[in-house]
Amino acid sequence: MLQYKLIQIIAEALEIAPEAITPEASSDTIEAWDSLKHLEVVLNVERSYNVKFKTSEIAELVSVARLEDALRQHNAL
């Protein structure tokens, strides 16, 4: 189940309604999720969960599911 906090962070960064954020949501399915907004999403997630993703990870965090997985790997969820 998606964390409410993560949904809020992503929705705020992408300037879309939280209801649009589903586990399947990604940069391919959300038009607002472009490269600039991607960096904003990642930075806001890092700040909110007090984690630091490796540069090599950031390019892979292009979906809600991948963000959740990364947060679990960093023991933030």
PDB file of N, CA and C in Angstrom:
ATOM      1  N   MET A   1       0.842  -1.193   0.000  1.00  0.00           N
ATOM      2  CA  MET A   1       0.000   0.000   0.000  1.00  0.00           C
ATOM      3  C   MET A   1       0.878   1.245   0.000  1.00  0.00           C
ATOM      4  N   LEU A   2       0.490   2.207  -0.814  1.00  0.00           N
ATOM      5  CA  LEU A   2       1.264   3.434  -0.920  1.00  0.00           C
ATOM      6  C   LEU A   2       1.212   4.244   0.367  1.00  0.00           C
ATOM      7  N   GLN A   3       2.340   4.772   0.720  1.00  0.00           N
ATOM      8  CA  GLN A   3       2.433   5.658   1.869  1.00  0.00           C
ATOM      9  C   GLN A   3       1.792   7.005   1.516  1.00  0.00           C
ATOM     10  N   TYR A   4       0.900   7.481   2.369  1.00  0.00           N
ATOM     11  CA  TYR A   4       0.241   8.766   2.140  1.00  0.00           C
ATOM     12  C   TYR A   4       1.274   9.885   1.989  1.00  0.00           C
ATOM     13  N   LYS A   5       2.303   9.845   2.814  1.00  0.00           N
ATOM     14  CA  LYS A   5       3.350  10.869   2.773  1.00  0.00           C
ATOM     15  C   LYS A   5       4.025  10.897   1.400  1.00  0.00           C
ATOM     16  N   LEU A   6       4.330   9.734   0.846  1.00  0.00           N
ATOM     17  CA  LEU A   6       4.976   9.665  -0.458  1.00  0.00           C
ATOM     18  C   LEU A   6       4.055  10.195  -1.547  1.00  0.00           C
ATOM     19  N   ILE A   7       2.792   9.839  -1.475  1.00  0.00           N
ATOM     20  CA  ILE A   7       1.807  10.339  -2.445  1.00  0.00           C
ATOM     21  C   ILE A   7       1.781  11.862  -2.417  1.00  0.00           C
ATOM     22  N   GLN A   8       1.730  12.431  -1.229  1.00  0.00           N
ATOM     23  CA  GLN A   8       1.687  13.895  -1.086  1.00  0.00           C
ATOM     24  C   GLN A   8       2.937  14.546  -1.670  1.00  0.00           C
ATOM     25  N   ILE A   9       4.089  13.975  -1.410  1.00  0.00           N
ATOM     26  CA  ILE A   9       5.352  14.538  -1.901  1.00  0.00           C
ATOM     27  C   ILE A   9       5.373  14.549  -3.425  1.00  0.00           C
ATOM     28  N   ILE A  10       5.007  13.426  -4.018  1.00  0.00           N
ATOM     29  CA  ILE A  10       5.023  13.320  -5.476  1.00  0.00           C
ATOM     30  C   ILE A  10       3.994  14.253  -6.091  1.00  0.00           C
ATOM     31  N   ALA A  11       2.792  14.246  -5.557  1.00  0.00           N
ATOM     32  CA  ALA A  11       1.724  15.100  -6.095  1.00  0.00           C
ATOM     33  C   ALA A  11       2.106  16.576  -6.014  1.00  0.00           C
ATOM     34  N   GLU A  12       2.681  16.966  -4.899  1.00  0.00           N
ATOM     35  CA  GLU A  12       3.073  18.362  -4.730  1.00  0.00           C
ATOM     36  C   GLU A  12       4.161  18.753  -5.723  1.00  0.00           C
ATOM     37  N   ALA A  13       5.161  17.900  -5.879  1.00  0.00           N
ATOM     38  CA  ALA A  13       6.259  18.200  -6.802  1.00  0.00           C
ATOM     39  C   ALA A  13       5.771  18.275  -8.252  1.00  0.00           C
ATOM     40  N   LEU A  14       4.823  17.406  -8.600  1.00  0.00           N
ATOM     41  CA  LEU A  14       4.316  17.372  -9.971  1.00  0.00           C
ATOM     42  C   LEU A  14       3.148  18.322 -10.196  1.00  0.00           C
ATOM     43  N   GLU A  15       2.677  18.938  -9.088  1.00  0.00           N
ATOM     44  CA  GLU A  15       1.562  19.870  -9.147  1.00  0.00           C
ATOM     45  C   GLU A  15       0.318  19.216  -9.742  1.00  0.00           C
ATOM     46  N   ILE A  16       0.009  18.015  -9.213  1.00  0.00           N
ATOM     47  CA  ILE A  16      -1.183  17.288  -9.637  1.00  0.00           C
ATOM     48  C   ILE A  16      -1.938  16.816  -8.397  1.00  0.00           C
ATOM     49  N   ALA A  17      -3.144  16.343  -8.602  1.00  0.00           N
ATOM     50  CA  ALA A  17      -3.964  15.866  -7.492  1.00  0.00           C
ATOM     51  C   ALA A  17      -3.397  14.559  -6.937  1.00  0.00           C
ATOM     52  N   PRO A  18      -3.385  14.402  -5.621  1.00  0.00           N
ATOM     53  CA  PRO A  18      -2.890  13.151  -5.020  1.00  0.00           C
ATOM     54  C   PRO A  18      -3.617  11.918  -5.546  1.00  0.00           C
ATOM     55  N   GLU A  19      -4.879  12.066  -5.937  1.00  0.00           N
ATOM     56  CA  GLU A  19      -5.651  10.942  -6.459  1.00  0.00           C
ATOM     57  C   GLU A  19      -5.069  10.386  -7.753  1.00  0.00           C
ATOM     58  N   ALA A  20      -4.266  11.189  -8.444  1.00  0.00           N
ATOM     59  CA  ALA A  20      -3.645  10.744  -9.698  1.00  0.00           C
ATOM     60  C   ALA A  20      -2.441   9.842  -9.458  1.00  0.00           C
ATOM     61  N   ILE A  21      -1.986   9.780  -8.215  1.00  0.00           N
ATOM     62  CA  ILE A  21      -0.811   8.975  -7.885  1.00  0.00           C
ATOM     63  C   ILE A  21      -1.254   7.568  -7.504  1.00  0.00           C
ATOM     64  N   THR A  22      -0.880   6.612  -8.340  1.00  0.00           N
ATOM     65  CA  THR A  22      -1.180   5.204  -8.091  1.00  0.00           C
ATOM     66  C   THR A  22       0.143   4.441  -8.030  1.00  0.00           C
ATOM     67  N   PRO A  23       0.122   3.201  -7.576  1.00  0.00           N
ATOM     68  CA  PRO A  23       1.370   2.424  -7.560  1.00  0.00           C
ATOM     69  C   PRO A  23       1.988   2.277  -8.952  1.00  0.00           C
ATOM     70  N   GLU A  24       1.158   2.338  -9.983  1.00  0.00           N
ATOM     71  CA  GLU A  24       1.641   2.170 -11.360  1.00  0.00           C
ATOM     72  C   GLU A  24       2.091   3.484 -11.990  1.00  0.00           C
ATOM     73  N   ALA A  25       1.881   4.600 -11.316  1.00  0.00           N
ATOM     74  CA  ALA A  25       2.221   5.914 -11.878  1.00  0.00           C
ATOM     75  C   ALA A  25       3.724   6.021 -12.126  1.00  0.00           C
ATOM     76  N   SER A  26       4.064   6.638 -13.257  1.00  0.00           N
ATOM     77  CA  SER A  26       5.475   6.797 -13.617  1.00  0.00           C
ATOM     78  C   SER A  26       5.634   7.995 -14.540  1.00  0.00           C
ATOM     79  N   SER A  27       6.862   8.241 -14.914  1.00  0.00           N
ATOM     80  CA  SER A  27       7.122   9.341 -15.842  1.00  0.00           C
ATOM     81  C   SER A  27       6.518   9.042 -17.210  1.00  0.00           C
ATOM     82  N   ASP A  28       6.219   7.779 -17.488  1.00  0.00           N
ATOM     83  CA  ASP A  28       5.571   7.413 -18.749  1.00  0.00           C
ATOM     84  C   ASP A  28       4.057   7.643 -18.717  1.00  0.00           C
ATOM     85  N   THR A  29       3.468   7.630 -17.527  1.00  0.00           N
ATOM     86  CA  THR A  29       2.005   7.731 -17.433  1.00  0.00           C
ATOM     87  C   THR A  29       1.511   9.095 -16.954  1.00  0.00           C
ATOM     88  N   ILE A  30       2.408   9.908 -16.402  1.00  0.00           N
ATOM     89  CA  ILE A  30       2.023  11.231 -15.912  1.00  0.00           C
ATOM     90  C   ILE A  30       2.758  12.284 -16.739  1.00  0.00           C
ATOM     91  N   GLU A  31       2.002  13.030 -17.510  1.00  0.00           N
ATOM     92  CA  GLU A  31       2.581  14.019 -18.420  1.00  0.00           C
ATOM     93  C   GLU A  31       3.448  15.055 -17.702  1.00  0.00           C
ATOM     94  N   ALA A  32       3.045  15.451 -16.512  1.00  0.00           N
ATOM     95  CA  ALA A  32       3.778  16.479 -15.766  1.00  0.00           C
ATOM     96  C   ALA A  32       5.146  15.991 -15.272  1.00  0.00           C
ATOM     97  N   TRP A  33       5.380  14.680 -15.275  1.00  0.00           N
ATOM     98  CA  TRP A  33       6.615  14.102 -14.734  1.00  0.00           C
ATOM     99  C   TRP A  33       7.708  14.147 -15.807  1.00  0.00           C
ATOM    100  N   ASP A  34       8.249  15.335 -16.039  1.00  0.00           N
ATOM    101  CA  ASP A  34       9.346  15.482 -16.991  1.00  0.00           C
ATOM    102  C   ASP A  34      10.678  15.442 -16.245  1.00  0.00           C
ATOM    103  N   SER A  35      11.765  15.676 -16.937  1.00  0.00           N
ATOM    104  CA  SER A  35      13.087  15.532 -16.312  1.00  0.00           C
ATOM    105  C   SER A  35      13.315  16.532 -15.181  1.00  0.00           C
ATOM    106  N   LEU A  36      12.832  17.748 -15.337  1.00  0.00           N
ATOM    107  CA  LEU A  36      13.001  18.747 -14.283  1.00  0.00           C
ATOM    108  C   LEU A  36      12.163  18.390 -13.059  1.00  0.00           C
ATOM    109  N   LYS A  37      10.913  17.999 -13.293  1.00  0.00           N
ATOM    110  CA  LYS A  37      10.042  17.608 -12.178  1.00  0.00           C
ATOM    111  C   LYS A  37      10.558  16.331 -11.517  1.00  0.00           C
ATOM    112  N   HIS A  38      11.209  15.476 -12.295  1.00  0.00           N
ATOM    113  CA  HIS A  38      11.783  14.254 -11.724  1.00  0.00           C
ATOM    114  C   HIS A  38      12.796  14.598 -10.636  1.00  0.00           C
ATOM    115  N   LEU A  39      13.650  15.546 -10.931  1.00  0.00           N
ATOM    116  CA  LEU A  39      14.647  15.957  -9.938  1.00  0.00           C
ATOM    117  C   LEU A  39      13.976  16.561  -8.709  1.00  0.00           C
ATOM    118  N   GLU A  40      12.912  17.306  -8.916  1.00  0.00           N
ATOM    119  CA  GLU A  40      12.180  17.886  -7.792  1.00  0.00           C
ATOM    120  C   GLU A  40      11.545  16.787  -6.937  1.00  0.00           C
ATOM    121  N   VAL A  41      10.966  15.781  -7.584  1.00  0.00           N
ATOM    122  CA  VAL A  41      10.390  14.646  -6.859  1.00  0.00           C
ATOM    123  C   VAL A  41      11.465  13.976  -6.010  1.00  0.00           C
ATOM    124  N   VAL A  42      12.586  13.647  -6.632  1.00  0.00           N
ATOM    125  CA  VAL A  42      13.658  12.940  -5.922  1.00  0.00           C
ATOM    126  C   VAL A  42      14.204  13.768  -4.767  1.00  0.00           C
ATOM    127  N   LEU A  43      14.467  15.043  -5.001  1.00  0.00           N
ATOM    128  CA  LEU A  43      14.992  15.908  -3.935  1.00  0.00           C
ATOM    129  C   LEU A  43      14.017  16.023  -2.772  1.00  0.00           C
ATOM    130  N   ASN A  44      12.731  16.167  -3.088  1.00  0.00           N
ATOM    131  CA  ASN A  44      11.728  16.272  -2.026  1.00  0.00           C
ATOM    132  C   ASN A  44      11.593  14.962  -1.247  1.00  0.00           C
ATOM    133  N   VAL A  45      11.690  13.840  -1.932  1.00  0.00           N
ATOM    134  CA  VAL A  45      11.648  12.537  -1.251  1.00  0.00           C
ATOM    135  C   VAL A  45      12.868  12.395  -0.349  1.00  0.00           C
ATOM    136  N   GLU A  46      14.040  12.746  -0.863  1.00  0.00           N
ATOM    137  CA  GLU A  46      15.261  12.670  -0.048  1.00  0.00           C
ATOM    138  C   GLU A  46      15.122  13.522   1.211  1.00  0.00           C
ATOM    139  N   ARG A  47      14.660  14.732   1.045  1.00  0.00           N
ATOM    140  CA  ARG A  47      14.513  15.655   2.171  1.00  0.00           C
ATOM    141  C   ARG A  47      13.497  15.135   3.190  1.00  0.00           C
ATOM    142  N   SER A  48      12.371  14.685   2.702  1.00  0.00           N
ATOM    143  CA  SER A  48      11.284  14.255   3.593  1.00  0.00           C
ATOM    144  C   SER A  48      11.582  12.962   4.336  1.00  0.00           C
ATOM    145  N   TYR A  49      12.321  12.067   3.695  1.00  0.00           N
ATOM    146  CA  TYR A  49      12.615  10.771   4.311  1.00  0.00           C
ATOM    147  C   TYR A  49      14.042  10.698   4.865  1.00  0.00           C
ATOM    148  N   ASN A  50      14.764  11.806   4.764  1.00  0.00           N
ATOM    149  CA  ASN A  50      16.127  11.874   5.270  1.00  0.00           C
ATOM    150  C   ASN A  50      17.009  10.758   4.707  1.00  0.00           C
ATOM    151  N   VAL A  51      16.976  10.628   3.378  1.00  0.00           N
ATOM    152  CA  VAL A  51      17.814   9.657   2.676  1.00  0.00           C
ATOM    153  C   VAL A  51      18.597  10.392   1.605  1.00  0.00           C
ATOM    154  N   LYS A  52      19.624   9.739   1.108  1.00  0.00           N
ATOM    155  CA  LYS A  52      20.415  10.293   0.020  1.00  0.00           C
ATOM    156  C   LYS A  52      20.593   9.185  -1.012  1.00  0.00           C
ATOM    157  N   PHE A  53      20.000   9.385  -2.189  1.00  0.00           N
ATOM    158  CA  PHE A  53      20.133   8.405  -3.253  1.00  0.00           C
ATOM    159  C   PHE A  53      21.438   8.627  -4.001  1.00  0.00           C
ATOM    160  N   LYS A  54      22.030   7.541  -4.461  1.00  0.00           N
ATOM    161  CA  LYS A  54      23.229   7.633  -5.285  1.00  0.00           C
ATOM    162  C   LYS A  54      22.842   8.225  -6.634  1.00  0.00           C
ATOM    163  N   THR A  55      23.778   8.902  -7.243  1.00  0.00           N
ATOM    164  CA  THR A  55      23.525   9.503  -8.554  1.00  0.00           C
ATOM    165  C   THR A  55      23.043   8.448  -9.541  1.00  0.00           C
ATOM    166  N   SER A  56      23.614   7.266  -9.483  1.00  0.00           N
ATOM    167  CA  SER A  56      23.220   6.187 -10.390  1.00  0.00           C
ATOM    168  C   SER A  56      21.790   5.718 -10.134  1.00  0.00           C
ATOM    169  N   GLU A  57      21.289   5.872  -8.914  1.00  0.00           N
ATOM    170  CA  GLU A  57      19.919   5.474  -8.577  1.00  0.00           C
ATOM    171  C   GLU A  57      18.888   6.451  -9.128  1.00  0.00           C
ATOM    172  N   ILE A  58      19.222   7.718  -9.120  1.00  0.00           N
ATOM    173  CA  ILE A  58      18.257   8.770  -9.427  1.00  0.00           C
ATOM    174  C   ILE A  58      17.604   8.570 -10.793  1.00  0.00           C
ATOM    175  N   ALA A  59      18.381   8.198 -11.789  1.00  0.00           N
ATOM    176  CA  ALA A  59      17.836   8.000 -13.129  1.00  0.00           C
ATOM    177  C   ALA A  59      16.844   6.843 -13.180  1.00  0.00           C
ATOM    178  N   GLU A  60      16.953   5.919 -12.239  1.00  0.00           N
ATOM    179  CA  GLU A  60      16.067   4.753 -12.213  1.00  0.00           C
ATOM    180  C   GLU A  60      14.782   4.982 -11.429  1.00  0.00           C
ATOM    181  N   LEU A  61      14.680   6.056 -10.688  1.00  0.00           N
ATOM    182  CA  LEU A  61      13.535   6.304  -9.813  1.00  0.00           C
ATOM    183  C   LEU A  61      12.406   7.012 -10.558  1.00  0.00           C
ATOM    184  N   VAL A  62      11.986   6.425 -11.664  1.00  0.00           N
ATOM    185  CA  VAL A  62      11.020   7.062 -12.553  1.00  0.00           C
ATOM    186  C   VAL A  62       9.592   6.562 -12.368  1.00  0.00           C
ATOM    187  N   SER A  63       9.337   5.882 -11.264  1.00  0.00           N
ATOM    188  CA  SER A  63       7.968   5.445 -10.981  1.00  0.00           C
ATOM    189  C   SER A  63       7.748   5.435  -9.473  1.00  0.00           C
ATOM    190  N   VAL A  64       6.491   5.427  -9.101  1.00  0.00           N
ATOM    191  CA  VAL A  64       6.139   5.374  -7.687  1.00  0.00           C
ATOM    192  C   VAL A  64       6.665   4.077  -7.077  1.00  0.00           C
ATOM    193  N   ALA A  65       6.498   2.978  -7.786  1.00  0.00           N
ATOM    194  CA  ALA A  65       6.959   1.677  -7.289  1.00  0.00           C
ATOM    195  C   ALA A  65       8.468   1.674  -7.062  1.00  0.00           C
ATOM    196  N   ARG A  66       9.217   2.242  -7.985  1.00  0.00           N
ATOM    197  CA  ARG A  66      10.678   2.276  -7.830  1.00  0.00           C
ATOM    198  C   ARG A  66      11.097   3.188  -6.675  1.00  0.00           C
ATOM    199  N   LEU A  67      10.382   4.277  -6.499  1.00  0.00           N
ATOM    200  CA  LEU A  67      10.672   5.156  -5.360  1.00  0.00           C
ATOM    201  C   LEU A  67      10.426   4.423  -4.049  1.00  0.00           C
ATOM    202  N   GLU A  68       9.318   3.705  -3.974  1.00  0.00           N
ATOM    203  CA  GLU A  68       9.015   2.933  -2.760  1.00  0.00           C
ATOM    204  C   GLU A  68      10.087   1.883  -2.498  1.00  0.00           C
ATOM    205  N   ASP A  69      10.481   1.165  -3.547  1.00  0.00           N
ATOM    206  CA  ASP A  69      11.522   0.141  -3.401  1.00  0.00           C
ATOM    207  C   ASP A  69      12.829   0.748  -2.906  1.00  0.00           C
ATOM    208  N   ALA A  70      13.193   1.884  -3.472  1.00  0.00           N
ATOM    209  CA  ALA A  70      14.432   2.552  -3.067  1.00  0.00           C
ATOM    210  C   ALA A  70      14.355   2.992  -1.610  1.00  0.00           C
ATOM    211  N   LEU A  71      13.215   3.502  -1.192  1.00  0.00           N
ATOM    212  CA  LEU A  71      13.063   3.917   0.205  1.00  0.00           C
ATOM    213  C   LEU A  71      13.158   2.708   1.142  1.00  0.00           C
ATOM    214  N   ARG A  72      12.615   1.583   0.721  1.00  0.00           N
ATOM    215  CA  ARG A  72      12.740   0.362   1.532  1.00  0.00           C
ATOM    216  C   ARG A  72      14.199  -0.086   1.615  1.00  0.00           C
ATOM    217  N   GLN A  73      14.909  -0.015   0.496  1.00  0.00           N
ATOM    218  CA  GLN A  73      16.330  -0.403   0.484  1.00  0.00           C
ATOM    219  C   GLN A  73      17.168   0.491   1.390  1.00  0.00           C
ATOM    220  N   HIS A  74      16.731   1.729   1.547  1.00  0.00           N
ATOM    221  CA  HIS A  74      17.435   2.673   2.424  1.00  0.00           C
ATOM    222  C   HIS A  74      16.853   2.668   3.844  1.00  0.00           C
ATOM    223  N   ASN A  75      16.003   1.680   4.110  1.00  0.00           N
ATOM    224  CA  ASN A  75      15.363   1.525   5.425  1.00  0.00           C
ATOM    225  C   ASN A  75      14.592   2.760   5.875  1.00  0.00           C
ATOM    226  N   ALA A  76      13.978   3.439   4.901  1.00  0.00           N
ATOM    227  CA  ALA A  76      13.202   4.637   5.222  1.00  0.00           C
ATOM    228  C   ALA A  76      11.697   4.345   5.289  1.00  0.00           C
ATOM    229  N   LEU A  77      11.296   3.162   4.867  1.00  0.00           N
ATOM    230  CA  LEU A  77       9.886   2.746   4.949  1.00  0.00           C
ATOM    231  C   LEU A  77       9.789   1.497   5.798  1.00  0.00           C
TER     232      LEU A  77
END
